[in-house]
C-alpha atoms as a PDB file:
ATOM      1  CA  SER A   1     134.917 157.545  50.812  1.00  0.00           C
ATOM      2  CA  VAL A   2     136.902 154.535  51.957  1.00  0.00           C
ATOM      3  CA  ASP A   3     136.282 151.213  50.229  1.00  0.00           C
ATOM      4  CA  PRO A   4     137.743 147.815  51.235  1.00  0.00           C
ATOM      5  CA  GLN A   5     140.631 148.207  48.757  1.00  0.00           C
ATOM      6  CA  LEU A   6     141.922 151.212  50.728  1.00  0.00           C
ATOM      7  CA  SER A   7     141.708 149.355  54.022  1.00  0.00           C
ATOM      8  CA  PRO A   8     145.409 148.288  54.175  1.00  0.00           C
ATOM      9  CA  ALA A   9     146.520 151.875  53.512  1.00  0.00           C
ATOM     10  CA  VAL A  10     144.196 153.154  56.234  1.00  0.00           C
ATOM     11  CA  ARG A  11     145.560 150.539  58.668  1.00  0.00           C
ATOM     12  CA  ARG A  12     149.118 151.659  57.811  1.00  0.00           C
ATOM     13  CA  PHE A  13     148.118 155.276  58.382  1.00  0.00           C
ATOM     14  CA  LEU A  14     146.714 154.377  61.819  1.00  0.00           C
ATOM     15  CA  ALA A  15     149.834 152.441  62.803  1.00  0.00           C
ATOM     16  CA  GLU A  16     152.129 155.270  61.700  1.00  0.00           C
ATOM     17  CA  SER A  17     149.972 157.871  63.484  1.00  0.00           C
ATOM     18  CA  GLU A  18     149.585 156.022  66.774  1.00  0.00           C
ATOM     19  CA  ASP A  19     151.148 158.831  68.798  1.00  0.00           C
ATOM     20  CA  ARG A  20     148.777 161.449  67.315  1.00  0.00           C
ATOM     21  CA  ILE A  21     145.473 159.576  67.060  1.00  0.00           C
ATOM     22  CA  ALA A  22     144.252 158.238  70.368  1.00  0.00           C
ATOM     23  CA  GLY A  23     141.220 157.685  72.494  1.00  0.00           C
ATOM     24  CA  GLN A  24     137.778 158.231  71.095  1.00  0.00           C
ATOM     25  CA  ALA A  25     138.956 159.243  67.607  1.00  0.00           C
ATOM     26  CA  ARG A  26     140.997 156.042  67.204  1.00  0.00           C
ATOM     27  CA  ALA A  27     138.088 153.932  68.486  1.00  0.00           C
ATOM     28  CA  ARG A  28     135.679 155.539  66.004  1.00  0.00           C
ATOM     29  CA  ILE A  29     138.084 155.078  63.086  1.00  0.00           C
ATOM     30  CA  GLU A  30     138.619 151.419  64.045  1.00  0.00           C
ATOM     31  CA  GLN A  31     134.853 150.873  64.313  1.00  0.00           C
ATOM     32  CA  ASP A  32     134.222 152.408  60.877  1.00  0.00           C
ATOM     33  CA  LEU A  33     137.103 150.488  59.317  1.00  0.00           C
ATOM     34  CA  ASN A  34     136.043 147.158  60.876  1.00  0.00           C
ATOM     35  CA  ARG A  35     132.526 147.612  59.439  1.00  0.00           C
ATOM     36  CA  ILE A  36     133.955 148.271  55.959  1.00  0.00           C
ATOM     37  CA  GLU A  37     136.365 145.304  56.159  1.00  0.00           C
ATOM     38  CA  SER A  38     133.668 142.906  57.369  1.00  0.00           C
ATOM     39  CA  GLY A  39     131.638 143.598  54.241  1.00  0.00           C
ATOM     40  CA  GLY A  40     129.176 145.928  55.932  1.00  0.00           C
ATOM     41  CA  GLY A  41     130.284 148.785  53.707  1.00  0.00           C
ATOM     42  CA  GLN A  42     130.090 152.433  54.573  1.00  0.00           C
ATOM     43  CA  ASP A  43     127.488 153.609  57.055  1.00  0.00           C
ATOM     44  CA  SER A  44     125.607 156.090  54.883  1.00  0.00           C
ATOM     45  CA  GLN A  45     124.900 158.256  57.913  1.00  0.00           C
ATOM     46  CA  ARG A  46     128.488 158.161  59.223  1.00  0.00           C
ATOM     47  CA  PRO A  47     130.886 157.865  56.279  1.00  0.00           C
ATOM     48  CA  LEU A  48     134.646 157.578  56.637  1.00  0.00           C
ATOM     49  CA  LEU A  49     136.421 159.777  54.098  1.00  0.00           C
ATOM     50  CA  ALA A  50     140.114 159.509  53.205  1.00  0.00           C
ATOM     51  CA  LEU A  51     142.486 162.004  51.664  1.00  0.00           C
ATOM     52  CA  VAL A  52     144.566 159.905  49.267  1.00  0.00           C
ATOM     53  CA  VAL A  53     148.030 161.205  48.393  1.00  0.00           C
ATOM     54  CA  GLY A  54     149.681 158.980  45.792  1.00  0.00           C
ATOM     55  CA  ASP A  55     149.487 155.456  47.202  1.00  0.00           C
ATOM     56  CA  ASP A  56     149.171 156.694  50.766  1.00  0.00           C
ATOM     57  CA  ILE A  57     146.522 158.052  53.069  1.00  0.00           C
ATOM     58  CA  GLY A  58     147.115 161.695  53.975  1.00  0.00           C
ATOM     59  CA  GLY A  59     144.277 161.860  56.473  1.00  0.00           C
ATOM     60  CA  LEU A  60     140.853 160.672  57.565  1.00  0.00           C
ATOM     61  CA  VAL A  61     137.655 162.464  58.430  1.00  0.00           C
ATOM     62  CA  GLY A  62     134.513 160.924  59.845  1.00  0.00           C
ATOM     63  CA  ILE A  63     131.232 162.745  59.337  1.00  0.00           C
ATOM     64  CA  ASP A  64     127.864 162.266  61.018  1.00  0.00           C
ATOM     65  CA  THR A  65     125.243 163.262  58.450  1.00  0.00           C
ATOM     66  CA  ALA A  66     122.296 163.085  60.863  1.00  0.00           C
ATOM     67  CA  PRO A  67     121.052 166.667  60.546  1.00  0.00           C
ATOM     68  CA  VAL A  68     121.710 169.063  63.393  1.00  0.00           C
ATOM     69  CA  ILE A  69     119.573 172.156  62.930  1.00  0.00           C
ATOM     70  CA  SER A  70     121.463 175.424  63.208  1.00  0.00           C
ATOM     71  CA  GLU A  71     119.375 178.597  63.188  1.00  0.00           C
ATOM     72  CA  GLU A  72     122.130 180.370  61.295  1.00  0.00           C
ATOM     73  CA  PHE A  73     123.229 177.678  58.829  1.00  0.00           C
ATOM     74  CA  GLY A  74     120.324 175.230  58.501  1.00  0.00           C
ATOM     75  CA  LYS A  75     120.715 171.440  58.397  1.00  0.00           C
ATOM     76  CA  SER A  76     124.282 170.583  59.347  1.00  0.00           C
ATOM     77  CA  GLY A  77     126.473 167.498  59.585  1.00  0.00           C
ATOM     78  CA  THR A  78     129.034 167.033  62.345  1.00  0.00           C
ATOM     79  CA  VAL A  79     132.711 166.084  62.178  1.00  0.00           C
ATOM     80  CA  ARG A  80     133.149 162.978  64.357  1.00  0.00           C
ATOM     81  CA  TYR A  81     136.934 162.860  64.010  1.00  0.00           C
ATOM     82  CA  LEU A  82     139.692 164.389  61.938  1.00  0.00           C
ATOM     83  CA  ALA A  83     143.202 162.967  61.602  1.00  0.00           C
ATOM     84  CA  ALA A  84     145.955 164.111  59.263  1.00  0.00           C
ATOM     85  CA  ARG A  85     149.361 162.527  58.731  1.00  0.00           C
ATOM     86  CA  GLY A  86     151.233 165.546  60.047  1.00  0.00           C
ATOM     87  CA  ASP A  87     148.377 167.455  61.659  1.00  0.00           C
ATOM     88  CA  THR A  88     149.556 170.654  60.001  1.00  0.00           C
ATOM     89  CA  ARG A  89     146.985 173.310  59.320  1.00  0.00           C
ATOM     90  CA  ASP A  90     147.304 172.747  55.551  1.00  0.00           C
ATOM     91  CA  GLU A  91     146.616 169.016  55.862  1.00  0.00           C
ATOM     92  CA  LEU A  92     143.731 169.578  58.262  1.00  0.00           C
ATOM     93  CA  ARG A  93     142.305 172.241  55.959  1.00  0.00           C
ATOM     94  CA  GLU A  94     142.467 169.837  52.978  1.00  0.00           C
ATOM     95  CA  LEU A  95     140.420 167.299  54.931  1.00  0.00           C
ATOM     96  CA  LEU A  96     137.788 169.856  55.927  1.00  0.00           C
ATOM     97  CA  VAL A  97     137.489 171.257  52.419  1.00  0.00           C
ATOM     98  CA  GLY A  98     137.372 167.721  50.998  1.00  0.00           C
ATOM     99  CA  ALA A  99     134.391 166.836  53.203  1.00  0.00           C
ATOM    100  CA  SER A 100     132.314 169.771  51.960  1.00  0.00           C
ATOM    101  CA  PRO A 101     131.068 168.246  48.662  1.00  0.00           C
ATOM    102  CA  MET A 102     129.849 165.123  50.496  1.00  0.00           C
ATOM    103  CA  ILE A 103     127.831 167.307  52.870  1.00  0.00           C
ATOM    104  CA  ARG A 104     126.048 168.931  49.933  1.00  0.00           C
ATOM    105  CA  GLU A 105     125.486 165.557  48.223  1.00  0.00           C
ATOM    106  CA  VAL A 106     123.440 164.319  51.187  1.00  0.00           C
ATOM    107  CA  GLY A 107     121.321 167.486  51.311  1.00  0.00           C
ATOM    108  CA  LEU A 108     123.004 169.265  54.200  1.00  0.00           C
ATOM    109  CA  GLU A 109     123.887 172.936  54.175  1.00  0.00           C
ATOM    110  CA  ALA A 110     126.786 173.155  56.615  1.00  0.00           C
ATOM    111  CA  LEU A 111     129.364 171.247  58.619  1.00  0.00           C
ATOM    112  CA  ILE A 112     129.929 171.614  62.367  1.00  0.00           C
ATOM    113  CA  ILE A 113     133.181 170.791  64.154  1.00  0.00           C
ATOM    114  CA  HIS A 114     133.931 171.083  67.860  1.00  0.00           C
ATOM    115  CA  VAL A 115     137.493 172.289  68.396  1.00  0.00           C
ATOM    116  CA  ASP A 116     139.685 172.511  71.480  1.00  0.00           C
ATOM    117  CA  SER A 117     140.785 176.143  71.579  1.00  0.00           C
ATOM    118  CA  ASN A 118     144.325 174.994  72.471  1.00  0.00           C
ATOM    119  CA  SER A 119     144.653 173.211  69.110  1.00  0.00           C
ATOM    120  CA  ASP A 120     146.200 176.115  67.211  1.00  0.00           C
ATOM    121  CA  ASP A 121     146.617 174.284  63.892  1.00  0.00           C
ATOM    122  CA  LEU A 122     143.045 172.975  63.891  1.00  0.00           C
ATOM    123  CA  VAL A 123     141.656 176.385  64.855  1.00  0.00           C
ATOM    124  CA  ALA A 124     143.638 177.964  62.003  1.00  0.00           C
ATOM    125  CA  ALA A 125     142.574 175.233  59.542  1.00  0.00           C
ATOM    126  CA  CYS A 126     138.930 175.815  60.416  1.00  0.00           C
ATOM    127  CA  ARG A 127     139.215 179.557  59.943  1.00  0.00           C
ATOM    128  CA  LEU A 128     141.096 179.160  56.658  1.00  0.00           C
ATOM    129  CA  SER A 129     138.406 176.727  55.459  1.00  0.00           C
ATOM    130  CA  GLY A 130     135.648 179.261  56.075  1.00  0.00           C
ATOM    131  CA  PHE A 131     134.288 177.943  59.362  1.00  0.00           C
ATOM    132  CA  GLN A 132     132.799 180.550  61.656  1.00  0.00           C
ATOM    133  CA  HIS A 133     133.251 180.609  65.404  1.00  0.00           C
ATOM    134  CA  ASP A 134     129.814 180.125  66.913  1.00  0.00           C
ATOM    135  CA  ARG A 135     130.288 180.064  70.662  1.00  0.00           C
ATOM    136  CA  THR A 136     132.756 179.151  73.328  1.00  0.00           C
ATOM    137  CA  ASP A 137     132.223 176.201  75.632  1.00  0.00           C
ATOM    138  CA  VAL A 138     132.263 177.087  79.290  1.00  0.00           C
ATOM    139  CA  LEU A 139     132.865 174.836  82.249  1.00  0.00           C
ATOM    140  CA  TYR A 140     130.798 175.637  85.310  1.00  0.00           C
ATOM    141  CA  GLU A 141     131.722 174.049  88.614  1.00  0.00           C
ATOM    142  CA  LEU A 142     129.793 174.019  91.850  1.00  0.00           C
ATOM    143  CA  SER A 143     131.591 173.130  95.032  1.00  0.00           C
ATOM    144  CA  GLY A 144     130.030 172.653  98.304  1.00  0.00           C
END
């Protein structure tokens, strides 16, 4: 997990990844990081985890550990955001695999991630990490 000493490295990672991390993911990372920097520490229900590579941050993953009950997998946590330095499938896979021990530590049995089917590297990383495809989201529109 990220402690205040890693904060400058995480800020550098965010600045260097500005073109790849945007919108809601960036806002959630900033919120988590601001809480840590202000002395509030990690939110035990929504920890921010960092993949540290040497003196640098290789990626970040935010997990929501509030249990979501899955009939097939039991109590599950949810990935809130996932950001890797290069967003390659290997880097994304490392982040997903790295989050697994924390899920078990808090008494959960599985991890859920919602993935845009057009994100080929993330889809591949999930499959390579052992995730199973559960269902496909469908958009229904009614005009009238």
